[in-house]
Amino acid sequence: MTAIELKKILIHRIAEIEDESFLNAIKTILDAKTQTQIINLTSDQKQEIAESKKQIENGLFIEQDELEKEFDKWLIAS
């Protein structure tokens, strides 16, 4: 079966479906497959990413759970 034949069969079968939740599930699958978007970054954005990667390599970051603990302490203190 060729891709064109398969598409025709799927289109016909989908047209017969009345179950809205099932159709939404199909839409979610299709959206995930077709959302391959290319993002063009500026040179400044590329530089920021490179600097961030260097900071991570040098251990200059905080884990999410530690950040949340510090945030909770800050909330309690205020």
PDB file of N, CA and C in Angstrom:
ATOM      1  N   MET A   1       0.855  -1.177   0.000  1.00  0.00           N
ATOM      2  CA  MET A   1       0.000   0.000   0.000  1.00  0.00           C
ATOM      3  C   MET A   1       0.900   1.238   0.000  1.00  0.00           C
ATOM      4  N   THR A   2       0.608   2.168  -0.863  1.00  0.00           N
ATOM      5  CA  THR A   2       1.401   3.389  -0.955  1.00  0.00           C
ATOM      6  C   THR A   2       0.935   4.390   0.099  1.00  0.00           C
ATOM      7  N   ALA A   3       1.733   5.411   0.302  1.00  0.00           N
ATOM      8  CA  ALA A   3       1.379   6.448   1.265  1.00  0.00           C
ATOM      9  C   ALA A   3       0.102   7.166   0.836  1.00  0.00           C
ATOM     10  N   ILE A   4      -0.056   7.397  -0.445  1.00  0.00           N
ATOM     11  CA  ILE A   4      -1.261   8.073  -0.943  1.00  0.00           C
ATOM     12  C   ILE A   4      -2.503   7.227  -0.680  1.00  0.00           C
ATOM     13  N   GLU A   5      -2.413   5.928  -0.934  1.00  0.00           N
ATOM     14  CA  GLU A   5      -3.548   5.034  -0.680  1.00  0.00           C
ATOM     15  C   GLU A   5      -3.892   5.005   0.806  1.00  0.00           C
ATOM     16  N   LEU A   6      -2.874   4.938   1.641  1.00  0.00           N
ATOM     17  CA  LEU A   6      -3.090   4.918   3.085  1.00  0.00           C
ATOM     18  C   LEU A   6      -3.733   6.214   3.561  1.00  0.00           C
ATOM     19  N   LYS A   7      -3.286   7.343   3.038  1.00  0.00           N
ATOM     20  CA  LYS A   7      -3.893   8.630   3.406  1.00  0.00           C
ATOM     21  C   LYS A   7      -5.369   8.666   3.038  1.00  0.00           C
ATOM     22  N   LYS A   8      -5.708   8.175   1.860  1.00  0.00           N
ATOM     23  CA  LYS A   8      -7.110   8.160   1.428  1.00  0.00           C
ATOM     24  C   LYS A   8      -7.957   7.307   2.366  1.00  0.00           C
ATOM     25  N   ILE A   9      -7.448   6.145   2.740  1.00  0.00           N
ATOM     26  CA  ILE A   9      -8.169   5.263   3.658  1.00  0.00           C
ATOM     27  C   ILE A   9      -8.367   5.955   5.007  1.00  0.00           C
ATOM     28  N   LEU A  10      -7.301   6.568   5.519  1.00  0.00           N
ATOM     29  CA  LEU A  10      -7.391   7.245   6.821  1.00  0.00           C
ATOM     30  C   LEU A  10      -8.360   8.411   6.780  1.00  0.00           C
ATOM     31  N   ILE A  11      -8.307   9.191   5.720  1.00  0.00           N
ATOM     32  CA  ILE A  11      -9.227  10.326   5.592  1.00  0.00           C
ATOM     33  C   ILE A  11     -10.668   9.836   5.606  1.00  0.00           C
ATOM     34  N   HIS A  12     -10.938   8.790   4.870  1.00  0.00           N
ATOM     35  CA  HIS A  12     -12.293   8.228   4.815  1.00  0.00           C
ATOM     36  C   HIS A  12     -12.724   7.708   6.193  1.00  0.00           C
ATOM     37  N   ARG A  13     -11.833   6.996   6.860  1.00  0.00           N
ATOM     38  CA  ARG A  13     -12.167   6.419   8.175  1.00  0.00           C
ATOM     39  C   ARG A  13     -12.380   7.520   9.211  1.00  0.00           C
ATOM     40  N   ILE A  14     -11.533   8.542   9.181  1.00  0.00           N
ATOM     41  CA  ILE A  14     -11.673   9.645  10.139  1.00  0.00           C
ATOM     42  C   ILE A  14     -12.978  10.386   9.902  1.00  0.00           C
ATOM     43  N   ALA A  15     -13.350  10.542   8.640  1.00  0.00           N
ATOM     44  CA  ALA A  15     -14.605  11.240   8.316  1.00  0.00           C
ATOM     45  C   ALA A  15     -15.819  10.538   8.906  1.00  0.00           C
ATOM     46  N   GLU A  16     -15.723   9.248   9.145  1.00  0.00           N
ATOM     47  CA  GLU A  16     -16.836   8.479   9.693  1.00  0.00           C
ATOM     48  C   GLU A  16     -16.915   8.518  11.217  1.00  0.00           C
ATOM     49  N   ILE A  17     -15.888   8.988  11.884  1.00  0.00           N
ATOM     50  CA  ILE A  17     -15.831   8.980  13.351  1.00  0.00           C
ATOM     51  C   ILE A  17     -16.648  10.138  13.902  1.00  0.00           C
ATOM     52  N   GLU A  18     -17.483   9.844  14.894  1.00  0.00           N
ATOM     53  CA  GLU A  18     -18.299  10.865  15.556  1.00  0.00           C
ATOM     54  C   GLU A  18     -17.825  11.149  16.985  1.00  0.00           C
ATOM     55  N   ASP A  19     -16.975  10.302  17.523  1.00  0.00           N
ATOM     56  CA  ASP A  19     -16.499  10.420  18.901  1.00  0.00           C
ATOM     57  C   ASP A  19     -15.501  11.581  19.003  1.00  0.00           C
ATOM     58  N   GLU A  20     -15.953  12.674  19.630  1.00  0.00           N
ATOM     59  CA  GLU A  20     -15.140  13.893  19.690  1.00  0.00           C
ATOM     60  C   GLU A  20     -13.834  13.688  20.457  1.00  0.00           C
ATOM     61  N   SER A  21     -13.865  12.926  21.542  1.00  0.00           N
ATOM     62  CA  SER A  21     -12.636  12.708  22.314  1.00  0.00           C
ATOM     63  C   SER A  21     -11.626  11.891  21.508  1.00  0.00           C
ATOM     64  N   PHE A  22     -12.117  10.945  20.735  1.00  0.00           N
ATOM     65  CA  PHE A  22     -11.227  10.147  19.882  1.00  0.00           C
ATOM     66  C   PHE A  22     -10.629  11.022  18.791  1.00  0.00           C
ATOM     67  N   LEU A  23     -11.446  11.887  18.204  1.00  0.00           N
ATOM     68  CA  LEU A  23     -10.944  12.811  17.187  1.00  0.00           C
ATOM     69  C   LEU A  23      -9.904  13.765  17.764  1.00  0.00           C
ATOM     70  N   ASN A  24     -10.122  14.210  19.003  1.00  0.00           N
ATOM     71  CA  ASN A  24      -9.130  15.067  19.658  1.00  0.00           C
ATOM     72  C   ASN A  24      -7.820  14.319  19.882  1.00  0.00           C
ATOM     73  N   ALA A  25      -7.923  13.042  20.206  1.00  0.00           N
ATOM     74  CA  ALA A  25      -6.716  12.230  20.381  1.00  0.00           C
ATOM     75  C   ALA A  25      -5.950  12.113  19.072  1.00  0.00           C
ATOM     76  N   ILE A  26      -6.668  11.900  17.993  1.00  0.00           N
ATOM     77  CA  ILE A  26      -6.021  11.838  16.673  1.00  0.00           C
ATOM     78  C   ILE A  26      -5.373  13.173  16.351  1.00  0.00           C
ATOM     79  N   LYS A  27      -6.074  14.259  16.652  1.00  0.00           N
ATOM     80  CA  LYS A  27      -5.530  15.598  16.392  1.00  0.00           C
ATOM     81  C   LYS A  27      -4.246  15.819  17.181  1.00  0.00           C
ATOM     82  N   THR A  28      -4.221  15.370  18.435  1.00  0.00           N
ATOM     83  CA  THR A  28      -3.022  15.512  19.258  1.00  0.00           C
ATOM     84  C   THR A  28      -1.842  14.778  18.634  1.00  0.00           C
ATOM     85  N   ILE A  29      -2.089  13.580  18.151  1.00  0.00           N
ATOM     86  CA  ILE A  29      -1.032  12.804  17.498  1.00  0.00           C
ATOM     87  C   ILE A  29      -0.540  13.533  16.252  1.00  0.00           C
ATOM     88  N   LEU A  30      -1.473  14.012  15.448  1.00  0.00           N
ATOM     89  CA  LEU A  30      -1.092  14.719  14.220  1.00  0.00           C
ATOM     90  C   LEU A  30      -0.353  16.014  14.522  1.00  0.00           C
ATOM     91  N   ASP A  31      -0.815  16.741  15.537  1.00  0.00           N
ATOM     92  CA  ASP A  31      -0.144  17.986  15.918  1.00  0.00           C
ATOM     93  C   ASP A  31       1.296  17.723  16.344  1.00  0.00           C
ATOM     94  N   ALA A  32       1.496  16.663  17.104  1.00  0.00           N
ATOM     95  CA  ALA A  32       2.842  16.343  17.585  1.00  0.00           C
ATOM     96  C   ALA A  32       3.766  16.006  16.420  1.00  0.00           C
ATOM     97  N   LYS A  33       3.242  15.387  15.412  1.00  0.00           N
ATOM     98  CA  LYS A  33       4.048  14.989  14.255  1.00  0.00           C
ATOM     99  C   LYS A  33       4.368  16.181  13.354  1.00  0.00           C
ATOM    100  N   THR A  34       3.477  17.152  13.294  1.00  0.00           N
ATOM    101  CA  THR A  34       3.650  18.263  12.353  1.00  0.00           C
ATOM    102  C   THR A  34       4.229  19.513  12.995  1.00  0.00           C
ATOM    103  N   GLN A  35       4.548  19.479  14.276  1.00  0.00           N
ATOM    104  CA  GLN A  35       5.065  20.667  14.935  1.00  0.00           C
ATOM    105  C   GLN A  35       6.585  20.693  14.972  1.00  0.00           C
ATOM    106  N   THR A  36       7.202  20.310  13.911  1.00  0.00           N
ATOM    107  CA  THR A  36       8.652  20.388  13.825  1.00  0.00           C
ATOM    108  C   THR A  36       8.997  21.765  13.295  1.00  0.00           C
ATOM    109  N   GLN A  37       9.087  22.697  14.201  1.00  0.00           N
ATOM    110  CA  GLN A  37       9.308  24.090  13.870  1.00  0.00           C
ATOM    111  C   GLN A  37      10.783  24.427  14.044  1.00  0.00           C
ATOM    112  N   ILE A  38      11.354  25.112  13.087  1.00  0.00           N
ATOM    113  CA  ILE A  38      12.743  25.538  13.182  1.00  0.00           C
ATOM    114  C   ILE A  38      12.761  26.952  13.738  1.00  0.00           C
ATOM    115  N   ILE A  39      13.553  27.139  14.769  1.00  0.00           N
ATOM    116  CA  ILE A  39      13.673  28.449  15.394  1.00  0.00           C
ATOM    117  C   ILE A  39      15.003  29.059  14.969  1.00  0.00           C
ATOM    118  N   ASN A  40      14.936  30.218  14.382  1.00  0.00           N
ATOM    119  CA  ASN A  40      16.147  30.925  13.986  1.00  0.00           C
ATOM    120  C   ASN A  40      16.546  31.870  15.109  1.00  0.00           C
ATOM    121  N   LEU A  41      17.728  31.657  15.655  1.00  0.00           N
ATOM    122  CA  LEU A  41      18.211  32.464  16.764  1.00  0.00           C
ATOM    123  C   LEU A  41      19.108  33.586  16.257  1.00  0.00           C
ATOM    124  N   THR A  42      19.072  34.699  16.974  1.00  0.00           N
ATOM    125  CA  THR A  42      19.986  35.786  16.655  1.00  0.00           C
ATOM    126  C   THR A  42      21.368  35.428  17.192  1.00  0.00           C
ATOM    127  N   SER A  43      22.364  36.166  16.773  1.00  0.00           N
ATOM    128  CA  SER A  43      23.715  35.895  17.269  1.00  0.00           C
ATOM    129  C   SER A  43      23.799  36.160  18.777  1.00  0.00           C
ATOM    130  N   ASP A  44      23.052  37.144  19.265  1.00  0.00           N
ATOM    131  CA  ASP A  44      23.021  37.413  20.710  1.00  0.00           C
ATOM    132  C   ASP A  44      22.410  36.237  21.477  1.00  0.00           C
ATOM    133  N   GLN A  45      21.358  35.667  20.947  1.00  0.00           N
ATOM    134  CA  GLN A  45      20.721  34.519  21.598  1.00  0.00           C
ATOM    135  C   GLN A  45      21.663  33.315  21.611  1.00  0.00           C
ATOM    136  N   LYS A  46      22.362  33.102  20.501  1.00  0.00           N
ATOM    137  CA  LYS A  46      23.328  32.007  20.435  1.00  0.00           C
ATOM    138  C   LYS A  46      24.445  32.206  21.453  1.00  0.00           C
ATOM    139  N   GLN A  47      24.895  33.451  21.609  1.00  0.00           N
ATOM    140  CA  GLN A  47      25.939  33.768  22.581  1.00  0.00           C
ATOM    141  C   GLN A  47      25.455  33.511  24.005  1.00  0.00           C
ATOM    142  N   GLU A  48      24.221  33.903  24.308  1.00  0.00           N
ATOM    143  CA  GLU A  48      23.642  33.663  25.632  1.00  0.00           C
ATOM    144  C   GLU A  48      23.571  32.172  25.939  1.00  0.00           C
ATOM    145  N   ILE A  49      23.182  31.381  24.955  1.00  0.00           N
ATOM    146  CA  ILE A  49      23.108  29.932  25.145  1.00  0.00           C
ATOM    147  C   ILE A  49      24.490  29.359  25.403  1.00  0.00           C
ATOM    148  N   ALA A  50      25.485  29.816  24.641  1.00  0.00           N
ATOM    149  CA  ALA A  50      26.854  29.335  24.829  1.00  0.00           C
ATOM    150  C   ALA A  50      27.361  29.685  26.227  1.00  0.00           C
ATOM    151  N   GLU A  51      27.074  30.909  26.688  1.00  0.00           N
ATOM    152  CA  GLU A  51      27.487  31.327  28.027  1.00  0.00           C
ATOM    153  C   GLU A  51      26.779  30.498  29.104  1.00  0.00           C
ATOM    154  N   SER A  52      25.511  30.221  28.892  1.00  0.00           N
ATOM    155  CA  SER A  52      24.757  29.403  29.848  1.00  0.00           C
ATOM    156  C   SER A  52      25.332  27.998  29.935  1.00  0.00           C
ATOM    157  N   LYS A  53      25.707  27.428  28.800  1.00  0.00           N
ATOM    158  CA  LYS A  53      26.300  26.092  28.797  1.00  0.00           C
ATOM    159  C   LYS A  53      27.619  26.087  29.564  1.00  0.00           C
ATOM    160  N   LYS A  54      28.420  27.145  29.413  1.00  0.00           N
ATOM    161  CA  LYS A  54      29.689  27.243  30.148  1.00  0.00           C
ATOM    162  C   LYS A  54      29.429  27.333  31.652  1.00  0.00           C
ATOM    163  N   GLN A  55      28.420  28.104  32.039  1.00  0.00           N
ATOM    164  CA  GLN A  55      28.085  28.225  33.453  1.00  0.00           C
ATOM    165  C   GLN A  55      27.675  26.870  34.025  1.00  0.00           C
ATOM    166  N   ILE A  56      26.901  26.124  33.281  1.00  0.00           N
ATOM    167  CA  ILE A  56      26.480  24.797  33.736  1.00  0.00           C
ATOM    168  C   ILE A  56      27.687  23.887  33.877  1.00  0.00           C
ATOM    169  N   GLU A  57      28.592  23.912  32.877  1.00  0.00           N
ATOM    170  CA  GLU A  57      29.799  23.091  32.936  1.00  0.00           C
ATOM    171  C   GLU A  57      30.650  23.432  34.158  1.00  0.00           C
ATOM    172  N   ASN A  58      30.621  24.702  34.577  1.00  0.00           N
ATOM    173  CA  ASN A  58      31.404  25.159  35.727  1.00  0.00           C
ATOM    174  C   ASN A  58      30.640  25.036  37.045  1.00  0.00           C
ATOM    175  N   GLY A  59      29.468  24.423  36.999  1.00  0.00           N
ATOM    176  CA  GLY A  59      28.698  24.209  38.220  1.00  0.00           C
ATOM    177  C   GLY A  59      27.983  25.444  38.733  1.00  0.00           C
ATOM    178  N   LEU A  60      27.849  26.458  37.906  1.00  0.00           N
ATOM    179  CA  LEU A  60      27.201  27.702  38.321  1.00  0.00           C
ATOM    180  C   LEU A  60      25.699  27.650  38.021  1.00  0.00           C
ATOM    181  N   PHE A  61      25.022  26.777  38.733  1.00  0.00           N
ATOM    182  CA  PHE A  61      23.580  26.622  38.586  1.00  0.00           C
ATOM    183  C   PHE A  61      23.026  26.072  39.891  1.00  0.00           C
ATOM    184  N   ILE A  62      21.699  26.089  39.993  1.00  0.00           N
ATOM    185  CA  ILE A  62      21.035  25.534  41.160  1.00  0.00           C
ATOM    186  C   ILE A  62      19.951  24.579  40.662  1.00  0.00           C
ATOM    187  N   GLU A  63      19.840  23.429  41.306  1.00  0.00           N
ATOM    188  CA  GLU A  63      18.822  22.442  40.926  1.00  0.00           C
ATOM    189  C   GLU A  63      17.438  22.987  41.273  1.00  0.00           C
ATOM    190  N   GLN A  64      16.430  22.552  40.537  1.00  0.00           N
ATOM    191  CA  GLN A  64      15.067  23.039  40.727  1.00  0.00           C
ATOM    192  C   GLN A  64      14.570  22.816  42.147  1.00  0.00           C
ATOM    193  N   ASP A  65      14.821  21.636  42.718  1.00  0.00           N
ATOM    194  CA  ASP A  65      14.316  21.368  44.071  1.00  0.00           C
ATOM    195  C   ASP A  65      14.989  22.265  45.102  1.00  0.00           C
ATOM    196  N   GLU A  66      16.270  22.568  44.922  1.00  0.00           N
ATOM    197  CA  GLU A  66      16.960  23.486  45.830  1.00  0.00           C
ATOM    198  C   GLU A  66      16.404  24.898  45.695  1.00  0.00           C
ATOM    199  N   LEU A  67      16.131  25.308  44.485  1.00  0.00           N
ATOM    200  CA  LEU A  67      15.555  26.630  44.251  1.00  0.00           C
ATOM    201  C   LEU A  67      14.194  26.740  44.927  1.00  0.00           C
ATOM    202  N   GLU A  68      13.392  25.698  44.817  1.00  0.00           N
ATOM    203  CA  GLU A  68      12.077  25.708  45.456  1.00  0.00           C
ATOM    204  C   GLU A  68      12.202  25.780  46.978  1.00  0.00           C
ATOM    205  N   LYS A  69      13.192  25.076  47.567  1.00  0.00           N
ATOM    206  CA  LYS A  69      13.410  25.146  49.014  1.00  0.00           C
ATOM    207  C   LYS A  69      13.790  26.557  49.436  1.00  0.00           C
ATOM    208  N   GLU A  70      14.697  27.183  48.664  1.00  0.00           N
ATOM    209  CA  GLU A  70      15.097  28.555  48.986  1.00  0.00           C
ATOM    210  C   GLU A  70      13.913  29.508  48.843  1.00  0.00           C
ATOM    211  N   PHE A  71      13.108  29.296  47.830  1.00  0.00           N
ATOM    212  CA  PHE A  71      11.938  30.132  47.615  1.00  0.00           C
ATOM    213  C   PHE A  71      10.960  29.988  48.777  1.00  0.00           C
ATOM    214  N   ASP A  72      10.757  28.743  49.241  1.00  0.00           N
ATOM    215  CA  ASP A  72       9.866  28.505  50.372  1.00  0.00           C
ATOM    216  C   ASP A  72      10.390  29.211  51.626  1.00  0.00           C
ATOM    217  N   LYS A  73      11.707  29.148  51.868  1.00  0.00           N
ATOM    218  CA  LYS A  73      12.295  29.850  53.016  1.00  0.00           C
ATOM    219  C   LYS A  73      12.058  31.347  52.901  1.00  0.00           C
ATOM    220  N   TRP A  74      12.202  31.870  51.705  1.00  0.00           N
ATOM    221  CA  TRP A  74      11.998  33.298  51.486  1.00  0.00           C
ATOM    222  C   TRP A  74      10.539  33.680  51.771  1.00  0.00           C
ATOM    223  N   LEU A  75       9.622  32.835  51.342  1.00  0.00           N
ATOM    224  CA  LEU A  75       8.197  33.114  51.585  1.00  0.00           C
ATOM    225  C   LEU A  75       7.869  33.108  53.070  1.00  0.00           C
ATOM    226  N   ILE A  76       8.458  32.141  53.791  1.00  0.00           N
ATOM    227  CA  ILE A  76       8.191  32.029  55.227  1.00  0.00           C
ATOM    228  C   ILE A  76       8.785  33.233  55.965  1.00  0.00           C
ATOM    229  N   ALA A  77       9.939  33.704  55.531  1.00  0.00           N
ATOM    230  CA  ALA A  77      10.613  34.818  56.197  1.00  0.00           C
ATOM    231  C   ALA A  77       9.915  36.158  55.966  1.00  0.00           C
ATOM    232  N   SER A  78       9.158  36.273  54.883  1.00  0.00           N
ATOM    233  CA  SER A  78       8.545  37.569  54.607  1.00  0.00           C
ATOM    234  C   SER A  78       7.190  37.749  55.177  1.00  0.00           C
TER     235      SER A  78
END
